[in-house]
Amino acid sequence: MDKLPGFRDFYPADCARRNYVLETWRGVARRYGFVEFDGPVVESMELYEKKSGGELVGQLFTVGVTAEPGAVKGALRPEMTPTLARMVAARERDFKKPLKWFCVPNFFRHERQQRGRLREFCQLNCDIIGESSPAADAELLAVQIDMLRACGLTERDFVVRLSSRTAWQDFFQANAKRADGAALTADDEYEFFQIVDKAERAPAEKTGAVLTKFSMSADTVLAFMLSKEPTAELTPIIADLQARGLGAFVELDYAIVRGLAYYTGVVFEVFDRAKNERAVAGGGRYDRLLSLMSDGKVDLPALGFGMGDVVLLNLLDEIPAAKAKLDAWCAAQHACDLYVVIAKEELRPQALALVQELRDSGKRTDFALAPAKVGKQFQAAENLGARLAVVIGEEWPRVKVKTLATREEREVSREEISQL
């Protein structure tokens, strides 16, 4: 039976590539003082209907839908921010602020498949809760940059495009006017953000046509998108990153606005310089989301970003230095370090005791489960990438140790084996 479209099988080599990304993410996040959390793979539909905007709700995989009165409709999680907000709102008094949390779960979106976009994917999420200063924005951008640097990418390979929803809100209030004379609403502002989010990829005529509702021209909007003057909100963030030596990774770009409804201030997206891939990562501030989710009981500033494994792995394959680093890591993930060759089958009980001892000491160890010729056992050791073959034979309780890369052999005592 074929697998469902948009979902992946992970054979060992594929799993190693994924694990490289996950371990890199975890290592850098912990280096920055983030701690790991997770949530349920199924959430209430209501969580996304209220908090994420119509576009995301249309991409949900629904589960547990019944005809029973009052039954809760569920959905496979398409993102983590609503879950994080729900969890923090429920127990925020239990944690000192600011919270610096990360997770690396899998997500599900029922959308059209294309390069860099599948229906199931792994994603890193890093969030800072309870800190409103620009230093928090800079810290989040810095950890995001270092995630990619740790994968072997440089400022020549990717760029963080930094923008501000606040700047666009001010622009909208100053320039928008409903063509029908009605007062502007929050829904109008969100609709405008959706137009801006697509404007970079859409023909100017199409953008101009949809902007007539707000009595604006495409030229006016595009001119603001191309401006490079940082707002008072963005200036300290840029200065912070420059002080860290990370300024070369960031460019001011008002073409970025982010599509989801809950973003409130600073927003950003990461792209490869060659523009071959979709956004590698994206995020921003969502300062009002906790208040909305708790009906005003919890009001904490918050910001975060997500980085998907599909686009990132595509990008690493395109950059020679990054691909070499990935390939070297995967090659080192061989199945075992030591292979115990049982040259005399009557010594199998002693060999099993040795195998267990080596495994107990933390060494990756394997052996032939069924009797086999010595040559086949050596071949198995080679295939598994073993460093050493430990031969249990006539010399017992001494053993022969063969370094497979050099073919060098030596004889050691039973007691010396644990030091290999």
Protein backbone atom coordinates (compact mmCIF):
# COMPACT_ATOMS: atom_id res chain seq x y z
CA MET A 1 0.00 0.00 0.00
CA ASP A 2 1.34 3.43 -0.93
CA LYS A 3 1.83 6.09 1.72
CA LEU A 4 -0.54 9.05 1.77
CA PRO A 5 0.53 12.05 -0.34
CA GLY A 6 2.28 14.80 1.60
CA PHE A 7 3.61 12.49 4.32
CA ARG A 8 7.10 11.02 4.60
CA ASP A 9 8.75 7.69 5.29
CA PHE A 10 12.04 7.94 7.15
CA TYR A 11 14.39 5.15 6.18
CA PRO A 12 17.60 5.10 8.26
CA ALA A 13 19.50 7.55 6.03
CA ASP A 14 16.51 9.93 5.95
CA CYS A 15 16.08 9.61 9.69
CA ALA A 16 19.74 10.51 10.22
CA ARG A 17 19.27 13.72 8.17
CA ARG A 18 16.23 14.65 10.21
CA ASN A 19 18.04 13.87 13.47
CA TYR A 20 20.93 16.13 12.44
CA VAL A 21 18.51 19.03 12.21
CA LEU A 22 16.67 18.17 15.44
CA GLU A 23 19.87 17.72 17.44
CA THR A 24 21.32 20.96 16.07
CA TRP A 25 18.14 22.81 17.00
CA ARG A 26 18.10 21.35 20.50
CA GLY A 27 21.79 22.06 21.09
CA VAL A 28 21.61 25.73 20.10
CA ALA A 29 18.34 26.35 21.94
CA ARG A 30 19.77 24.97 25.17
CA ARG A 31 22.93 27.01 24.67
CA TYR A 32 20.72 30.10 24.77
CA GLY A 33 18.94 29.01 27.94
CA PHE A 34 15.72 27.77 26.34
CA VAL A 35 14.02 24.73 27.91
CA GLU A 36 11.99 22.16 25.99
CA PHE A 37 8.22 21.67 26.26
CA ASP A 38 5.55 19.90 24.22
CA GLY A 39 1.77 19.71 23.94
CA PRO A 40 -0.92 17.40 22.55
CA VAL A 41 -0.95 16.50 18.88
CA VAL A 42 -4.74 17.05 18.84
CA GLU A 43 -6.27 20.34 20.01
CA SER A 44 -9.78 21.73 20.07
CA MET A 45 -10.89 23.23 16.75
CA GLU A 46 -12.04 26.26 18.71
CA LEU A 47 -8.44 27.03 19.65
CA TYR A 48 -7.56 27.68 15.99
CA GLU A 49 -10.89 29.15 14.91
CA LYS A 50 -10.51 31.98 17.41
CA LYS A 51 -6.80 32.60 17.40
CA SER A 52 -5.18 31.86 14.04
CA GLY A 53 -7.25 33.45 11.28
CA GLY A 54 -9.29 31.92 8.47
CA GLU A 55 -6.42 30.86 6.24
CA LEU A 56 -4.97 28.43 8.78
CA VAL A 57 -8.36 27.08 9.84
CA GLY A 58 -8.97 26.06 6.23
CA GLN A 59 -5.85 23.86 6.36
CA LEU A 60 -6.80 21.80 9.43
CA PHE A 61 -7.03 18.01 9.55
CA THR A 62 -10.10 17.49 11.71
CA VAL A 63 -10.51 14.49 14.03
CA GLY A 64 -13.06 13.18 16.49
CA VAL A 65 -16.07 14.84 14.84
CA THR A 66 -19.31 13.22 16.04
CA ALA A 67 -23.01 13.98 15.91
CA GLU A 68 -23.37 13.91 19.68
CA PRO A 69 -24.73 17.13 21.23
CA GLY A 70 -21.93 19.20 22.71
CA ALA A 71 -19.17 17.03 21.23
CA VAL A 72 -15.83 18.79 20.88
CA LYS A 73 -14.31 18.92 17.42
CA GLY A 74 -10.59 18.29 17.30
CA ALA A 75 -7.80 19.06 14.85
CA LEU A 76 -4.26 17.83 14.34
CA ARG A 77 -2.02 20.71 15.39
CA PRO A 78 -0.99 22.92 12.44
CA GLU A 79 1.30 25.11 14.58
CA MET A 80 2.35 25.52 18.22
CA THR A 81 1.73 29.13 19.24
CA PRO A 82 -1.96 28.68 20.19
CA THR A 83 -1.07 25.59 22.26
CA LEU A 84 1.77 27.45 23.97
CA ALA A 85 -0.51 30.38 24.75
CA ARG A 86 -3.15 28.04 26.19
CA MET A 87 -0.59 26.25 28.37
CA VAL A 88 1.00 29.44 29.68
CA ALA A 89 -2.38 31.03 30.36
CA ALA A 90 -3.38 27.99 32.43
CA ARG A 91 -0.29 27.97 34.69
CA GLU A 92 1.66 31.18 34.20
CA ARG A 93 1.93 31.76 37.97
CA ASP A 94 3.97 28.57 38.31
CA PHE A 95 6.89 29.97 36.28
CA LYS A 96 9.28 32.87 36.72
CA LYS A 97 9.40 35.32 33.85
CA PRO A 98 10.60 35.59 31.24
CA LEU A 99 9.92 32.08 29.98
CA LYS A 100 12.28 30.88 27.26
CA TRP A 101 10.71 27.70 25.87
CA PHE A 102 11.30 25.66 22.72
CA CYS A 103 9.87 22.52 21.11
CA VAL A 104 10.52 20.41 18.00
CA PRO A 105 7.21 18.59 17.31
CA ASN A 106 5.57 17.51 14.07
CA PHE A 107 2.67 19.46 12.56
CA PHE A 108 -0.08 18.79 10.03
CA ARG A 109 -1.60 21.08 7.41
CA HIS A 110 -4.03 20.04 4.70
CA GLU A 111 -2.63 22.20 1.93
CA ARG A 112 -1.35 21.89 -1.62
CA GLN A 113 2.01 20.14 -1.76
CA GLN A 114 4.93 21.90 -3.38
CA ARG A 115 8.67 22.21 -2.93
CA GLY A 116 9.40 22.91 0.72
CA ARG A 117 5.81 22.33 1.82
CA LEU A 118 4.37 18.98 2.88
CA ARG A 119 1.29 18.03 4.87
CA GLU A 120 3.39 16.76 7.77
CA PHE A 121 6.63 18.39 8.88
CA CYS A 122 8.87 18.90 11.90
CA GLN A 123 9.29 22.43 13.15
CA LEU A 124 11.41 24.16 15.73
CA ASN A 125 9.56 26.73 17.83
CA CYS A 126 11.36 29.14 20.16
CA ASP A 127 9.31 31.54 22.28
CA ILE A 128 9.98 34.16 24.95
CA ILE A 129 7.05 34.97 27.27
CA GLY A 130 6.87 37.85 29.73
CA GLU A 131 9.44 40.29 28.31
CA SER A 132 8.53 43.39 26.32
CA SER A 133 11.97 44.94 25.83
CA PRO A 134 13.68 45.05 22.41
CA ALA A 135 16.40 42.87 23.95
CA ALA A 136 13.96 39.94 23.83
CA ASP A 137 13.38 40.48 20.10
CA ALA A 138 17.14 40.60 19.51
CA GLU A 139 17.68 37.47 21.60
CA LEU A 140 15.07 35.59 19.57
CA LEU A 141 16.62 36.72 16.30
CA ALA A 142 20.09 35.78 17.56
CA VAL A 143 19.12 32.21 18.46
CA GLN A 144 17.40 31.88 15.09
CA ILE A 145 20.55 33.05 13.29
CA ASP A 146 22.74 30.69 15.32
CA MET A 147 20.48 27.74 14.47
CA LEU A 148 21.43 28.25 10.83
CA ARG A 149 25.07 29.06 11.53
CA ALA A 150 25.33 25.78 13.44
CA CYS A 151 24.19 24.01 10.25
CA GLY A 152 27.12 25.48 8.36
CA LEU A 153 25.35 28.48 6.78
CA THR A 154 26.82 32.00 6.68
CA GLU A 155 25.58 35.54 5.99
CA ARG A 156 26.27 34.80 2.30
CA ASP A 157 23.69 32.01 2.39
CA PHE A 158 20.69 33.48 4.24
CA VAL A 159 19.17 36.74 5.43
CA VAL A 160 16.68 37.69 8.17
CA ARG A 161 14.16 40.13 6.71
CA LEU A 162 13.02 42.30 9.62
CA SER A 163 9.79 44.29 9.63
CA SER A 164 7.07 45.67 11.90
CA ARG A 165 3.33 45.19 12.04
CA THR A 166 3.18 48.36 14.14
CA ALA A 167 4.67 50.33 11.25
CA TRP A 168 2.07 48.88 8.89
CA GLN A 169 -0.74 49.61 11.34
CA ASP A 170 0.37 53.25 11.49
CA PHE A 171 0.58 53.33 7.69
CA PHE A 172 -2.92 51.86 7.37
CA GLN A 173 -4.48 54.31 9.81
CA ALA A 174 -2.79 57.25 8.08
CA ASN A 175 -3.58 56.26 4.50
CA ALA A 176 -6.62 53.97 4.39
CA LYS A 177 -10.15 55.16 3.82
CA ARG A 178 -13.04 52.86 3.07
CA ALA A 179 -14.29 53.51 -0.47
CA ASP A 180 -17.87 52.97 0.73
CA GLY A 181 -17.47 55.59 3.47
CA ALA A 182 -17.75 53.09 6.35
CA ALA A 183 -15.46 53.25 9.37
CA LEU A 184 -12.34 51.12 9.33
CA THR A 185 -12.49 47.95 11.43
CA ALA A 186 -10.02 45.40 12.81
CA ASP A 187 -11.17 43.02 10.06
CA ASP A 188 -10.27 45.67 7.48
CA GLU A 189 -6.79 45.97 8.96
CA TYR A 190 -6.32 42.18 8.84
CA GLU A 191 -7.54 42.10 5.24
CA PHE A 192 -5.02 44.81 4.40
CA PHE A 193 -2.23 42.77 6.03
CA GLN A 194 -3.20 39.82 3.84
CA ILE A 195 -2.93 42.03 0.75
CA VAL A 196 0.50 43.29 1.81
CA ASP A 197 1.66 39.76 2.62
CA LYS A 198 0.93 38.71 -0.97
CA ALA A 199 1.95 41.97 -2.69
CA GLU A 200 5.58 41.02 -3.23
CA ARG A 201 4.54 37.95 -5.22
CA ALA A 202 1.46 39.37 -6.98
CA PRO A 203 1.31 41.63 -10.08
CA ALA A 204 1.02 45.34 -9.18
CA GLU A 205 -2.28 45.55 -11.09
CA LYS A 206 -3.83 42.83 -8.94
CA THR A 207 -2.59 44.47 -5.75
CA GLY A 208 -3.95 47.82 -6.92
CA ALA A 209 -7.35 46.30 -7.67
CA VAL A 210 -7.84 44.89 -4.17
CA LEU A 211 -6.53 48.10 -2.55
CA THR A 212 -9.33 50.19 -4.11
CA LYS A 213 -11.51 49.11 -1.18
CA PHE A 214 -9.26 51.22 1.02
CA SER A 215 -8.78 54.08 -1.46
CA MET A 216 -5.08 53.31 -1.79
CA SER A 217 -2.86 52.74 -4.81
CA ALA A 218 -0.36 49.93 -5.26
CA ASP A 219 2.38 52.53 -5.78
CA THR A 220 1.78 54.01 -2.32
CA VAL A 221 1.94 50.61 -0.63
CA LEU A 222 4.92 49.40 -2.64
CA ALA A 223 6.84 52.60 -1.90
CA PHE A 224 6.48 51.98 1.83
CA MET A 225 7.49 48.35 1.36
CA LEU A 226 10.76 49.49 -0.23
CA SER A 227 11.61 52.10 2.41
CA LYS A 228 14.62 51.29 4.59
CA GLU A 229 14.16 53.70 7.50
CA PRO A 230 13.97 51.76 10.79
CA THR A 231 11.20 52.71 13.20
CA ALA A 232 11.88 53.52 16.86
CA GLU A 233 10.69 49.97 17.56
CA LEU A 234 13.30 48.37 15.28
CA THR A 235 16.35 50.62 15.86
CA PRO A 236 17.43 49.11 19.24
CA ILE A 237 16.97 45.57 17.92
CA ILE A 238 19.28 46.22 14.99
CA ALA A 239 21.83 47.86 17.31
CA ASP A 240 21.71 44.86 19.68
CA LEU A 241 22.40 42.41 16.85
CA GLN A 242 25.23 44.57 15.54
CA ALA A 243 26.81 44.54 19.02
CA ARG A 244 26.72 40.72 18.92
CA GLY A 245 28.43 40.69 15.53
CA LEU A 246 25.27 39.44 13.83
CA GLY A 247 24.26 42.59 11.99
CA ALA A 248 25.28 41.21 8.58
CA PHE A 249 22.55 38.59 8.81
CA VAL A 250 19.68 41.12 9.10
CA GLU A 251 18.07 43.49 6.60
CA LEU A 252 15.17 45.88 7.14
CA ASP A 253 12.38 44.84 4.78
CA TYR A 254 8.82 46.11 5.13
CA ALA A 255 7.62 43.63 2.52
CA ILE A 256 7.35 41.20 5.44
CA VAL A 257 4.07 41.39 7.36
CA ARG A 258 3.23 37.74 8.25
CA GLY A 259 -0.18 36.30 7.47
CA LEU A 260 -1.44 35.01 10.81
CA ALA A 261 -3.87 37.22 12.71
CA TYR A 262 -2.21 37.18 16.12
CA TYR A 263 1.03 39.03 15.28
CA THR A 264 1.21 42.51 16.81
CA GLY A 265 4.63 44.18 16.48
CA VAL A 266 8.05 43.10 15.22
CA VAL A 267 7.84 40.40 12.54
CA PHE A 268 10.50 38.67 10.45
CA GLU A 269 11.16 35.92 7.93
CA VAL A 270 14.37 34.13 6.92
CA PHE A 271 15.20 33.46 3.28
CA ASP A 272 18.11 31.96 1.39
CA ARG A 273 20.10 34.62 -0.48
CA ALA A 274 19.75 32.74 -3.77
CA LYS A 275 15.94 32.86 -3.42
CA ASN A 276 15.58 29.20 -4.38
CA GLU A 277 13.46 28.23 -1.38
CA ARG A 278 10.39 29.29 0.53
CA ALA A 279 10.90 31.06 3.85
CA VAL A 280 13.23 29.01 6.07
CA ALA A 281 11.77 30.51 9.26
CA GLY A 282 9.42 33.24 10.41
CA GLY A 283 7.84 34.76 13.47
CA GLY A 284 7.35 37.87 15.55
CA ARG A 285 5.52 39.37 18.52
CA TYR A 286 2.05 38.25 19.58
CA ASP A 287 1.62 40.40 22.68
CA ARG A 288 -2.20 40.19 22.88
CA LEU A 289 -2.69 36.47 22.33
CA LEU A 290 -2.42 35.38 25.98
CA SER A 291 -4.96 37.98 27.02
CA LEU A 292 -7.36 36.86 24.30
CA MET A 293 -7.04 33.21 25.24
CA SER A 294 -7.55 33.78 28.96
CA ASP A 295 -10.38 36.29 28.59
CA GLY A 296 -8.13 38.98 30.01
CA LYS A 297 -6.99 37.04 33.09
CA VAL A 298 -3.39 36.71 31.85
CA ASP A 299 -1.74 39.53 29.95
CA LEU A 300 1.91 38.91 29.11
CA PRO A 301 4.02 40.07 26.16
CA ALA A 302 5.22 37.24 23.95
CA LEU A 303 7.21 36.55 20.81
CA GLY A 304 8.42 33.50 18.93
CA PHE A 305 9.40 31.92 15.63
CA GLY A 306 9.07 28.64 13.77
CA MET A 307 11.62 26.92 11.50
CA GLY A 308 10.62 23.89 9.42
CA ASP A 309 12.83 20.93 8.58
CA VAL A 310 11.66 20.49 4.98
CA VAL A 311 12.88 23.84 3.63
CA LEU A 312 15.99 23.78 5.81
CA LEU A 313 17.13 20.38 4.52
CA ASN A 314 16.50 21.51 0.93
CA LEU A 315 18.69 24.56 1.58
CA LEU A 316 21.48 22.55 3.24
CA ASP A 317 21.62 20.31 0.17
CA GLU A 318 22.22 23.40 -2.02
CA ILE A 319 25.13 24.88 -0.01
CA PRO A 320 28.31 22.75 -0.46
CA ALA A 321 29.85 23.54 2.95
CA ALA A 322 26.56 22.95 4.77
CA LYS A 323 25.90 19.72 2.86
CA ALA A 324 29.39 18.45 3.66
CA LYS A 325 28.75 19.08 7.36
CA LEU A 326 25.39 17.31 7.20
CA ASP A 327 26.81 14.34 5.29
CA ALA A 328 29.75 13.98 7.69
CA TRP A 329 27.42 13.96 10.69
CA CYS A 330 25.17 11.35 9.09
CA ALA A 331 28.13 9.18 8.12
CA ALA A 332 29.27 9.16 11.75
CA GLN A 333 25.91 7.77 12.90
CA HIS A 334 26.91 4.16 12.21
CA ALA A 335 25.06 1.36 13.90
CA CYS A 336 27.89 0.18 16.14
CA ASP A 337 31.42 0.90 17.31
CA LEU A 338 32.38 -2.64 18.32
CA TYR A 339 31.39 -5.90 16.65
CA VAL A 340 31.93 -9.10 18.59
CA VAL A 341 32.95 -11.88 16.18
CA ILE A 342 32.20 -15.34 17.58
CA ALA A 343 34.88 -17.53 15.99
CA LYS A 344 34.06 -20.55 18.21
CA GLU A 345 30.33 -21.14 18.57
CA GLU A 346 30.82 -23.00 21.88
CA LEU A 347 32.04 -19.68 23.34
CA ARG A 348 28.77 -17.91 22.51
CA PRO A 349 27.71 -17.69 26.23
CA GLN A 350 30.99 -15.91 27.03
CA ALA A 351 30.52 -13.68 23.97
CA LEU A 352 26.99 -12.76 25.07
CA ALA A 353 28.29 -11.82 28.52
CA LEU A 354 30.93 -9.60 26.89
CA VAL A 355 28.39 -7.98 24.56
CA GLN A 356 26.19 -7.10 27.50
CA GLU A 357 29.14 -5.74 29.47
CA LEU A 358 30.19 -3.51 26.58
CA ARG A 359 26.63 -2.25 26.10
CA ASP A 360 26.29 -1.58 29.82
CA SER A 361 29.40 0.60 29.62
CA GLY A 362 27.78 2.70 26.89
CA LYS A 363 29.50 1.25 23.84
CA ARG A 364 27.47 0.60 20.70
CA THR A 365 28.00 -3.13 20.26
CA ASP A 366 26.56 -5.74 17.90
CA PHE A 367 27.13 -9.43 17.03
CA ALA A 368 25.72 -12.21 14.84
CA LEU A 369 22.42 -13.42 16.26
CA ALA A 370 22.79 -16.80 14.55
CA PRO A 371 25.93 -18.90 13.92
CA ALA A 372 27.83 -17.58 10.92
CA LYS A 373 31.21 -17.99 9.25
CA VAL A 374 33.90 -15.67 10.54
CA GLY A 375 34.23 -13.97 7.15
CA LYS A 376 30.53 -13.14 7.07
CA GLN A 377 30.75 -11.73 10.58
CA PHE A 378 33.61 -9.46 9.55
CA GLN A 379 31.58 -8.35 6.54
CA ALA A 380 28.65 -7.55 8.83
CA ALA A 381 30.97 -5.47 11.02
CA GLU A 382 32.12 -3.50 7.95
CA ASN A 383 28.54 -2.96 6.79
CA LEU A 384 27.53 -1.59 10.20
CA GLY A 385 30.45 0.85 10.26
CA ALA A 386 32.12 -0.73 13.28
CA ARG A 387 35.46 0.69 14.35
CA LEU A 388 36.74 -2.51 15.97
CA ALA A 389 36.07 -6.22 15.65
CA VAL A 390 36.54 -8.19 18.88
CA VAL A 391 37.19 -11.87 18.05
CA ILE A 392 36.19 -14.54 20.58
CA GLY A 393 38.14 -17.66 19.63
CA GLU A 394 40.97 -20.00 20.57
CA GLU A 395 42.77 -17.32 22.58
CA TRP A 396 39.93 -16.94 25.11
CA PRO A 397 39.98 -15.49 27.76
CA ARG A 398 42.26 -13.29 25.71
CA VAL A 399 40.77 -11.85 22.53
CA LYS A 400 41.96 -10.51 19.21
CA VAL A 401 41.01 -6.91 18.41
CA LYS A 402 41.09 -5.79 14.79
CA THR A 403 40.92 -2.13 13.72
CA LEU A 404 38.82 -2.43 10.60
CA ALA A 405 40.04 0.77 8.92
CA THR A 406 43.74 -0.22 9.06
CA ARG A 407 43.46 -4.04 9.40
CA GLU A 408 45.80 -3.80 12.40
CA GLU A 409 45.37 -6.66 14.90
CA ARG A 410 46.41 -6.98 18.50
CA GLU A 411 45.68 -9.35 21.35
CA VAL A 412 44.36 -8.09 24.67
CA SER A 413 43.22 -9.61 27.94
CA ARG A 414 39.58 -10.02 28.94
CA GLU A 415 39.99 -7.18 31.45
CA GLU A 416 41.34 -4.76 28.83
CA ILE A 417 38.33 -5.06 26.55
CA SER A 418 36.27 -2.51 28.49
CA GLN A 419 38.94 0.12 27.72
CA LEU A 420 38.62 -0.22 23.95
